Amino acid sequence: MGTTTSAAAKPAKVKDGPGASAPGAGRRERPRGKRSMGVQNAAGWLFSTPFLVLFTVFMAFPILATLLMSFTDFGLRNVTRPWEADFIGFENYTELFGDEKFLKSLFNTAYFVVVGVPLTITLGLVVAVLLNNGIDRARTFFRVGFYAPVVTTIVAVAVVWRFVLDPSDGLVAGLFSEVGLTAPDFLGSETLAMPSMIAMAVWRNVGTVMVLFIAGLQAIPAEVREAARLDGAGVWQEFRGITVPLLRPTLLYATVITTIGYLNVFEEPFVMTQGGPSDSTLTVSLNMYREGFNFFHMGYASAMAYVLFVVIMGITVLQLRLLKDNTK
């Protein structure tokens, strides 16, 4: 029986040369890059949806509502009927700058920032340099000790500082009595209350700045320091010519976040002095809290919040411009 090969069984000849069609040219394929990119975008939006919902409900909506509220006379009577609040334009804002209590709180906040921020940054840098280079034994113990106040609640800090500064039975009073002197009433004096608040804030926040500077110091290459020492640079020359310039990005970040935190100072005067004596420790945030939740002047308090927001934004932009060029 002879073997025959049918035409169907023969392999098709592939046409070579110009005009030949590429294999699979008749089939349409979706670009894999675009399809995978679409899947990634959809997955990203899916996973970010919970955050977006929470941010919209608890952040974006209250911010927008507060902005609108600052142009109204929103008060206690409007809590259940917010649509009945009267639109008064910029009246709240113009009234603020004629309010002696607000101006006093603005001055107190500025005093707190101008004195507190340089002290916190300077002490944090000094402690960081000592713990990074100067102290070899028990270095971890000192780091934990300086950072412990940061993670301690303000209530516990207030209890400790009230005891320390108590004019009759406090630790400072005991030290004064040892040398035959009478301790002043730090929290009851108009001239000493704010410095006492600043001392507590510096003590509580220097640990955060210390950690930032230690991270910055450890990022400085050892070869740079060795080269400076080979050139005959002393300790102060190395610190001024090597350490400080290379720490400018860290210095910028630490200064900005410390300034923002001190402009929003609330817990220290609220827990320790309630803004007294005679409003000598009344800050903008504490004044805002009183107007909004004690006197229910919600519209007025909202205007105060946005004035503070503009001040914070202006100071932050100024700090970024002053220090940014030096970080390049």
Foldseek 3Di string as FASTA:
>chain_A
DDDDDDPVNDDDDQDDDPPGDDPPPVDDDDPPVVVVVVVVVVVVCVVCVVVVVCCVVPPVVVLVVLVQLLQWQFFPVCPVPVVPTDGNGCPLVVVQVVDPLNVLQAVLLVVLLVPQLVLLLVVLLVLLCCLQPVDDPCSVVVLCVQQVLQPDDLLVLLVLLCQQQVQPRHVVQVVQVVVPHGRDNQCADLVRNSVSLSVSVSSNCSSVLNVLLNVQVVPQDPVVVVVCVVVPDDPVRCCVVPVVLSCLVSSLVSSLVVSVPSLLDDSSCVNNPLCDDVNSNNHLNSVLCCVCPVVRSSNSSSSSVVVSVVVSVVVSVVSCVVRVVSND
